[in-house]
N, C-alpha and C. Protein backbone atom coordinates (compact mmCIF):
# COMPACT_ATOMS: atom_id res chain seq x y z
N MET A 1 95.62 41.13 93.86
CA MET A 1 96.02 41.88 92.54
C MET A 1 96.20 43.31 93.05
N SER A 2 97.26 43.80 92.40
CA SER A 2 97.82 44.95 92.53
C SER A 2 97.34 46.21 91.73
N THR A 3 97.15 47.39 92.30
CA THR A 3 96.54 48.53 91.47
C THR A 3 97.80 48.98 90.73
N ARG A 4 97.38 50.04 89.81
CA ARG A 4 98.54 50.83 89.23
C ARG A 4 99.46 51.56 90.05
N ARG A 5 98.87 52.32 91.47
CA ARG A 5 99.36 53.05 92.30
C ARG A 5 100.37 51.99 93.00
N ASP A 6 99.97 50.70 93.21
CA ASP A 6 100.80 49.82 93.95
C ASP A 6 101.97 49.39 92.95
N VAL A 7 101.80 49.11 91.93
CA VAL A 7 102.89 48.99 91.06
C VAL A 7 104.04 49.86 90.90
N LEU A 8 103.43 51.18 90.63
CA LEU A 8 104.52 52.22 90.65
C LEU A 8 105.08 52.63 91.89
N LYS A 9 104.20 52.33 93.12
CA LYS A 9 105.12 52.56 94.43
C LYS A 9 106.16 51.35 94.66
N GLY A 10 105.75 50.36 94.39
CA GLY A 10 106.80 49.30 94.46
C GLY A 10 107.81 49.17 93.68
N GLY A 11 107.96 50.28 92.86
CA GLY A 11 109.44 50.51 91.74
C GLY A 11 109.24 49.54 90.66
N LEU A 12 108.09 48.78 90.47
CA LEU A 12 107.66 48.35 89.13
C LEU A 12 107.23 48.93 88.06
N ALA A 13 107.94 49.69 87.37
CA ALA A 13 107.26 50.89 86.37
C ALA A 13 107.09 50.33 85.23
N THR A 14 107.23 48.95 85.03
CA THR A 14 106.87 48.37 83.87
C THR A 14 105.32 47.68 83.78
N VAL A 15 104.58 47.94 82.90
CA VAL A 15 103.83 47.25 82.90
C VAL A 15 103.07 46.42 81.67
N VAL A 16 103.08 45.12 82.09
CA VAL A 16 102.89 44.13 80.99
C VAL A 16 101.73 44.02 80.51
N THR A 17 101.62 44.04 79.15
CA THR A 17 100.16 44.34 78.51
C THR A 17 100.15 43.12 77.47
N THR A 18 100.61 42.08 78.21
CA THR A 18 100.34 40.75 77.04
C THR A 18 98.67 40.30 76.92
N SER A 19 98.18 40.53 77.92
CA SER A 19 96.83 40.21 77.98
C SER A 19 96.04 41.28 77.00
N LEU A 20 96.60 42.09 76.52
CA LEU A 20 95.83 43.11 75.36
C LEU A 20 96.55 42.85 73.79
N GLY A 21 97.43 41.94 73.97
CA GLY A 21 98.39 41.35 72.65
C GLY A 21 99.22 42.27 72.40
N ALA A 22 99.73 43.20 73.51
CA ALA A 22 100.91 44.17 72.90
C ALA A 22 102.28 42.99 72.98
N CYS A 23 103.09 43.40 72.28
CA CYS A 23 104.38 42.58 71.82
C CYS A 23 105.71 43.33 73.10
N GLU A 24 105.32 44.56 73.38
CA GLU A 24 106.49 44.87 74.12
C GLU A 24 105.90 45.41 75.22
N ASP A 25 106.85 45.51 76.40
CA ASP A 25 106.47 46.01 77.95
C ASP A 25 106.52 47.65 77.72
N GLU A 26 105.53 48.17 78.56
CA GLU A 26 105.51 49.73 78.25
C GLU A 26 105.96 50.43 79.61
N VAL A 27 106.62 51.27 79.34
CA VAL A 27 107.42 51.88 80.66
C VAL A 27 106.42 53.14 81.17
N ALA A 28 106.04 53.40 82.30
CA ALA A 28 105.55 54.30 82.84
C ALA A 28 106.58 55.16 83.52
N PRO A 29 106.31 56.60 83.95
CA PRO A 29 107.41 57.28 84.23
C PRO A 29 108.18 56.87 85.68
N PRO A 30 109.43 56.66 85.49
CA PRO A 30 109.91 56.14 86.69
C PRO A 30 109.76 56.85 88.10
N ASP A 31 109.83 58.08 87.87
CA ASP A 31 109.57 58.98 89.15
C ASP A 31 108.14 59.32 89.50
N GLY A 32 107.03 58.57 88.49
CA GLY A 32 105.60 58.81 88.94
C GLY A 32 105.41 60.26 88.41
N LEU A 33 106.10 60.88 87.81
CA LEU A 33 105.68 62.47 87.25
C LEU A 33 105.47 62.25 85.94
N VAL A 34 104.03 62.95 85.50
CA VAL A 34 103.91 63.30 84.11
C VAL A 34 103.79 64.64 84.00
N VAL A 35 104.60 65.02 83.16
CA VAL A 35 104.93 66.81 82.99
C VAL A 35 104.33 66.98 81.34
N LEU A 36 103.37 67.66 81.60
CA LEU A 36 102.90 68.07 80.44
C LEU A 36 102.63 69.73 80.00
N PRO A 37 103.58 70.18 79.24
CA PRO A 37 103.61 71.72 79.15
C PRO A 37 102.27 72.17 78.19
N LEU A 38 101.85 73.41 78.59
CA LEU A 38 100.75 73.81 77.42
C LEU A 38 100.97 73.84 76.30
N THR A 39 102.12 73.87 75.66
CA THR A 39 102.59 73.75 74.31
C THR A 39 102.19 72.34 73.76
N GLU A 40 102.27 71.53 74.63
CA GLU A 40 101.91 69.98 74.13
C GLU A 40 100.54 69.79 74.62
N ALA A 41 99.89 70.69 75.29
CA ALA A 41 98.70 70.31 75.32
C ALA A 41 97.80 71.66 75.37
N PRO A 42 97.86 72.21 74.19
CA PRO A 42 97.13 73.67 74.39
C PRO A 42 95.57 73.85 74.70
N GLU A 43 94.89 72.65 74.92
CA GLU A 43 93.60 72.88 75.06
C GLU A 43 93.41 73.12 76.82
N LEU A 44 94.32 73.04 77.43
CA LEU A 44 94.68 73.44 78.88
C LEU A 44 94.80 74.88 79.24
N ALA A 45 95.09 75.46 78.15
CA ALA A 45 95.49 76.98 78.21
C ALA A 45 94.12 77.62 78.86
N THR A 46 92.97 77.08 78.54
CA THR A 46 91.85 77.90 78.90
C THR A 46 91.03 77.11 79.91
N VAL A 47 90.16 77.86 80.83
CA VAL A 47 89.25 77.09 81.77
C VAL A 47 88.29 76.30 81.05
N GLY A 48 87.96 75.17 81.18
CA GLY A 48 87.12 74.06 80.63
C GLY A 48 87.79 73.29 79.96
N GLY A 49 89.29 73.44 79.15
CA GLY A 49 89.93 72.60 78.29
C GLY A 49 90.06 71.48 79.20
N TRP A 50 90.31 70.52 78.12
CA TRP A 50 90.63 69.14 78.76
C TRP A 50 91.11 68.23 77.77
N VAL A 51 91.96 67.35 78.10
CA VAL A 51 92.78 66.49 77.14
C VAL A 51 92.88 65.01 78.01
N THR A 52 93.13 64.00 77.08
CA THR A 52 93.13 62.74 77.36
C THR A 52 94.80 62.38 77.27
N HIS A 53 95.64 61.80 78.18
CA HIS A 53 97.02 61.52 78.13
C HIS A 53 97.32 60.12 78.27
N SER A 54 97.93 59.60 77.54
CA SER A 54 98.29 58.09 77.32
C SER A 54 99.58 58.04 78.30
N VAL A 55 99.72 57.20 79.63
CA VAL A 55 100.67 57.00 80.13
C VAL A 55 101.32 55.66 79.75
N THR A 56 100.40 54.91 79.49
CA THR A 56 100.77 53.62 78.59
C THR A 56 99.43 53.28 77.91
N SER A 57 99.30 52.19 77.05
CA SER A 57 98.33 51.82 76.45
C SER A 57 97.00 51.61 77.19
N ILE A 58 97.38 51.32 78.68
CA ILE A 58 96.18 50.56 79.33
C ILE A 58 96.09 51.81 80.75
N PHE A 59 96.98 52.63 80.71
CA PHE A 59 96.70 53.76 81.60
C PHE A 59 96.71 54.97 80.86
N ILE A 60 95.40 55.65 81.09
CA ILE A 60 95.04 56.85 80.19
C ILE A 60 94.54 57.96 81.46
N LEU A 61 94.96 59.28 81.35
CA LEU A 61 94.55 60.33 82.26
C LEU A 61 93.69 60.94 81.61
N LEU A 62 92.77 61.66 82.27
CA LEU A 62 91.84 62.75 81.76
C LEU A 62 92.16 63.94 82.45
N ILE A 63 92.81 65.08 81.99
CA ILE A 63 93.49 66.03 82.53
C ILE A 63 92.54 67.35 82.13
N ALA A 64 91.75 68.22 83.45
CA ALA A 64 91.03 69.24 82.96
C ALA A 64 91.45 70.33 83.74
N ARG A 65 91.15 71.63 82.96
CA ARG A 65 91.39 72.95 83.74
C ARG A 65 90.14 73.17 84.07
N VAL A 66 90.15 73.10 85.49
CA VAL A 66 88.43 73.60 86.06
C VAL A 66 88.40 74.99 86.51
N ASP A 67 89.59 75.69 86.65
CA ASP A 67 89.45 77.12 87.11
C ASP A 67 90.76 77.89 86.95
N ASP A 68 90.96 79.01 86.85
CA ASP A 68 92.38 79.70 86.56
C ASP A 68 93.39 79.24 86.84
N ALA A 69 93.37 78.62 88.17
CA ALA A 69 94.73 78.09 88.92
C ALA A 69 94.90 76.31 88.79
N THR A 70 93.57 75.70 88.76
CA THR A 70 93.31 74.32 89.09
C THR A 70 93.54 73.57 87.90
N VAL A 71 93.93 72.49 87.97
CA VAL A 71 94.09 71.27 86.94
C VAL A 71 93.63 69.86 87.62
N ILE A 72 93.07 69.36 87.10
CA ILE A 72 92.63 67.98 87.82
C ILE A 72 93.09 66.93 86.73
N ALA A 73 93.44 65.83 87.37
CA ALA A 73 93.84 64.54 86.68
C ALA A 73 93.22 63.42 87.26
N LEU A 74 92.60 62.33 86.59
CA LEU A 74 91.77 61.23 86.94
C LEU A 74 91.98 60.20 85.85
N ASP A 75 91.55 59.14 86.38
CA ASP A 75 91.68 57.87 85.34
C ASP A 75 90.68 58.31 84.43
N ALA A 76 91.08 58.15 83.05
CA ALA A 76 90.26 58.52 82.18
C ALA A 76 89.13 57.41 81.51
N LEU A 77 89.21 56.13 82.06
CA LEU A 77 88.54 55.10 81.78
C LEU A 77 87.48 54.74 82.52
N CYS A 78 86.28 54.76 82.20
CA CYS A 78 85.11 54.40 83.11
C CYS A 78 85.31 53.13 83.65
N THR A 79 84.88 53.25 85.02
CA THR A 79 85.13 51.71 85.82
C THR A 79 83.94 50.83 85.42
N HIS A 80 83.20 51.20 84.79
CA HIS A 80 82.10 50.15 84.32
C HIS A 80 82.56 49.28 83.29
N GLN A 81 82.99 49.56 82.03
CA GLN A 81 83.60 49.02 80.89
C GLN A 81 84.59 49.44 80.17
N GLN A 82 85.30 50.32 80.92
CA GLN A 82 86.57 51.03 80.27
C GLN A 82 86.56 51.99 79.05
N CYS A 83 85.30 52.47 79.10
CA CYS A 83 85.22 53.61 77.54
C CYS A 83 85.84 54.74 78.14
N VAL A 84 86.41 55.42 77.26
CA VAL A 84 87.15 56.77 77.62
C VAL A 84 86.10 57.98 77.98
N LEU A 85 86.22 58.53 79.21
CA LEU A 85 85.26 59.67 79.44
C LEU A 85 85.41 60.74 78.88
N ASN A 86 84.76 61.62 79.09
CA ASN A 86 84.51 63.31 78.55
C ASN A 86 84.55 63.93 79.61
N TYR A 87 85.16 65.27 79.74
CA TYR A 87 84.66 66.03 80.66
C TYR A 87 83.93 66.98 80.26
N ARG A 88 83.04 67.33 81.09
CA ARG A 88 81.98 68.48 80.90
C ARG A 88 81.95 69.69 81.66
N PRO A 89 82.70 70.65 81.05
CA PRO A 89 82.85 71.90 82.00
C PRO A 89 81.74 72.54 82.47
N ASP A 90 80.66 72.64 81.74
CA ASP A 90 79.33 73.60 82.08
C ASP A 90 78.75 72.60 83.27
N GLU A 91 78.78 71.11 83.35
CA GLU A 91 78.14 70.33 84.50
C GLU A 91 79.13 70.09 85.20
N ARG A 92 80.23 70.37 85.26
CA ARG A 92 81.83 70.17 86.13
C ARG A 92 81.74 68.56 86.57
N ASP A 93 81.52 67.70 85.48
CA ASP A 93 81.50 66.31 85.88
C ASP A 93 82.22 65.70 84.46
N LEU A 94 82.40 64.29 84.66
CA LEU A 94 83.11 63.53 83.70
C LEU A 94 81.81 62.39 83.33
N SER A 95 81.93 62.31 81.84
CA SER A 95 80.57 61.10 81.66
C SER A 95 81.02 60.17 80.57
N CYS A 96 80.49 59.08 80.60
CA CYS A 96 80.61 58.06 79.79
C CYS A 96 79.86 57.99 78.42
N ARG A 97 80.36 58.15 77.39
CA ARG A 97 79.47 58.19 75.96
C ARG A 97 79.00 56.81 75.80
N CYS A 98 79.36 55.83 76.64
CA CYS A 98 79.12 54.27 76.20
C CYS A 98 77.60 54.05 76.86
N HIS A 99 77.71 54.22 78.32
CA HIS A 99 76.66 53.54 78.80
C HIS A 99 76.16 54.79 79.98
N GLY A 100 76.58 55.95 79.69
CA GLY A 100 75.79 57.21 80.67
C GLY A 100 76.34 57.44 82.04
N SER A 101 77.24 56.44 82.57
CA SER A 101 77.81 56.66 83.95
C SER A 101 78.39 58.15 84.08
N THR A 102 78.08 58.98 85.17
CA THR A 102 78.84 60.25 85.38
C THR A 102 79.64 60.05 86.91
N PHE A 103 80.45 61.03 86.86
CA PHE A 103 81.46 61.10 87.97
C PHE A 103 81.71 62.49 88.20
N THR A 104 81.89 62.92 89.45
CA THR A 104 82.27 64.33 89.87
C THR A 104 83.69 64.59 89.54
N GLU A 105 84.04 65.84 89.81
CA GLU A 105 85.56 66.03 89.38
C GLU A 105 86.42 65.62 90.27
N GLN A 106 85.82 64.92 91.52
CA GLN A 106 86.77 64.14 92.22
C GLN A 106 86.70 62.83 91.91
N GLY A 107 85.91 62.32 91.05
CA GLY A 107 85.80 60.95 90.78
C GLY A 107 84.98 59.92 91.28
N ILE A 108 83.94 60.54 91.95
CA ILE A 108 82.84 59.93 92.65
C ILE A 108 81.51 59.61 91.60
N VAL A 109 81.32 58.49 91.63
CA VAL A 109 80.18 57.92 90.64
C VAL A 109 78.64 58.46 91.25
N THR A 110 78.28 59.36 90.25
CA THR A 110 76.87 60.31 90.37
C THR A 110 75.70 59.32 89.73
N ARG A 111 76.14 58.55 88.62
CA ARG A 111 75.09 57.83 87.86
C ARG A 111 76.00 56.88 87.47
N GLY A 112 74.87 55.44 87.57
CA GLY A 112 75.54 54.27 87.05
C GLY A 112 75.43 53.99 85.66
N PRO A 113 75.79 52.92 84.96
CA PRO A 113 75.72 51.51 85.71
C PRO A 113 77.31 51.52 86.43
N ALA A 114 78.16 52.59 86.34
CA ALA A 114 79.58 52.38 86.89
C ALA A 114 79.13 52.48 88.55
N GLU A 115 79.95 51.65 89.21
CA GLU A 115 79.80 51.59 90.76
C GLU A 115 81.08 52.05 91.38
N ARG A 116 82.08 51.79 90.86
CA ARG A 116 83.35 52.29 91.62
C ARG A 116 84.07 53.64 91.01
N SER A 117 84.40 54.47 92.24
CA SER A 117 85.04 55.84 91.79
C SER A 117 86.27 55.52 90.88
N LEU A 118 86.59 57.01 90.36
CA LEU A 118 87.93 57.01 89.47
C LEU A 118 88.94 57.18 90.24
N GLY A 119 90.17 56.82 89.89
CA GLY A 119 91.23 57.30 90.58
C GLY A 119 91.56 58.69 90.20
N ARG A 120 92.12 59.51 91.24
CA ARG A 120 92.41 60.71 91.25
C ARG A 120 93.95 61.15 91.66
N TYR A 121 94.54 62.05 90.90
CA TYR A 121 95.74 62.21 91.39
C TYR A 121 96.30 63.53 91.64
N GLN A 122 97.10 63.72 92.45
CA GLN A 122 97.71 65.35 92.70
C GLN A 122 98.32 65.93 91.47
N THR A 123 98.00 67.06 91.42
CA THR A 123 98.48 67.97 89.93
C THR A 123 99.07 69.42 90.68
N THR A 124 99.84 69.93 90.03
CA THR A 124 100.39 71.27 90.25
C THR A 124 100.36 72.06 88.96
N PHE A 125 100.02 73.29 88.97
CA PHE A 125 100.06 73.94 87.74
C PHE A 125 100.67 75.34 87.92
N ASP A 126 101.76 75.63 87.38
CA ASP A 126 102.38 77.02 87.15
C ASP A 126 101.82 77.89 86.22
N GLY A 127 101.12 77.61 85.55
CA GLY A 127 100.36 78.49 84.60
C GLY A 127 101.13 78.34 83.16
N GLU A 128 101.94 77.41 83.28
CA GLU A 128 102.47 77.07 81.74
C GLU A 128 102.88 75.36 81.71
N VAL A 129 102.89 74.79 82.63
CA VAL A 129 103.35 73.39 83.01
C VAL A 129 102.21 72.77 83.97
N VAL A 130 101.60 71.67 83.44
CA VAL A 130 100.97 70.74 84.55
C VAL A 130 101.58 69.68 84.78
N THR A 131 101.91 69.43 85.85
CA THR A 131 102.40 68.22 86.49
C THR A 131 101.59 67.31 87.31
N VAL A 132 101.64 66.03 86.82
CA VAL A 132 100.55 64.95 87.63
C VAL A 132 101.36 63.95 88.34
N ASP A 133 101.30 63.83 89.94
CA ASP A 133 101.76 62.69 90.49
C ASP A 133 101.29 61.54 90.50
N LEU A 134 101.47 60.58 89.99
CA LEU A 134 100.87 59.37 89.81
C LEU A 134 100.91 58.62 91.37
N LEU A 135 101.96 58.80 92.03
CA LEU A 135 102.29 58.00 93.21
C LEU A 135 101.26 58.86 94.30
N THR A 136 100.48 60.08 94.21
CA THR A 136 100.12 60.74 95.37
C THR A 136 98.54 61.02 94.84
N PRO A 137 97.49 60.43 95.56
CA PRO A 137 96.03 60.56 95.41
C PRO A 137 95.56 61.96 95.31
N GLY A 138 94.83 62.45 94.64
CA GLY A 138 94.61 64.05 94.43
C GLY A 138 93.34 64.49 95.30
């Protein structure tokens, strides 16, 4: 079974979502880059701000501003049962509101029931635009 990264690297940028009942294929960025200006995600203008960003209906990123110059991007769905995670800037971690799993800002599990780490992606931030490279681990 291929991971999302394998699918993107293999040039197959279409994710088929028929198992979720979708009628159409969804297209991920062909170059593997998600470009998000702060004008579209004003939450990221301040340290501690975060957003979720849907690449496709089954591939959602959690993007968080962790300090003046650094933005992180990780899979937004808990590896336990796919609940959407929250970023907690005071604790500097991600938490699952469904079953209580927590993850470091690097995506490592610190409390279960989740057992697998989150995918993390390389980001760049120029003060106005966040770019996430889905093909490069962060």
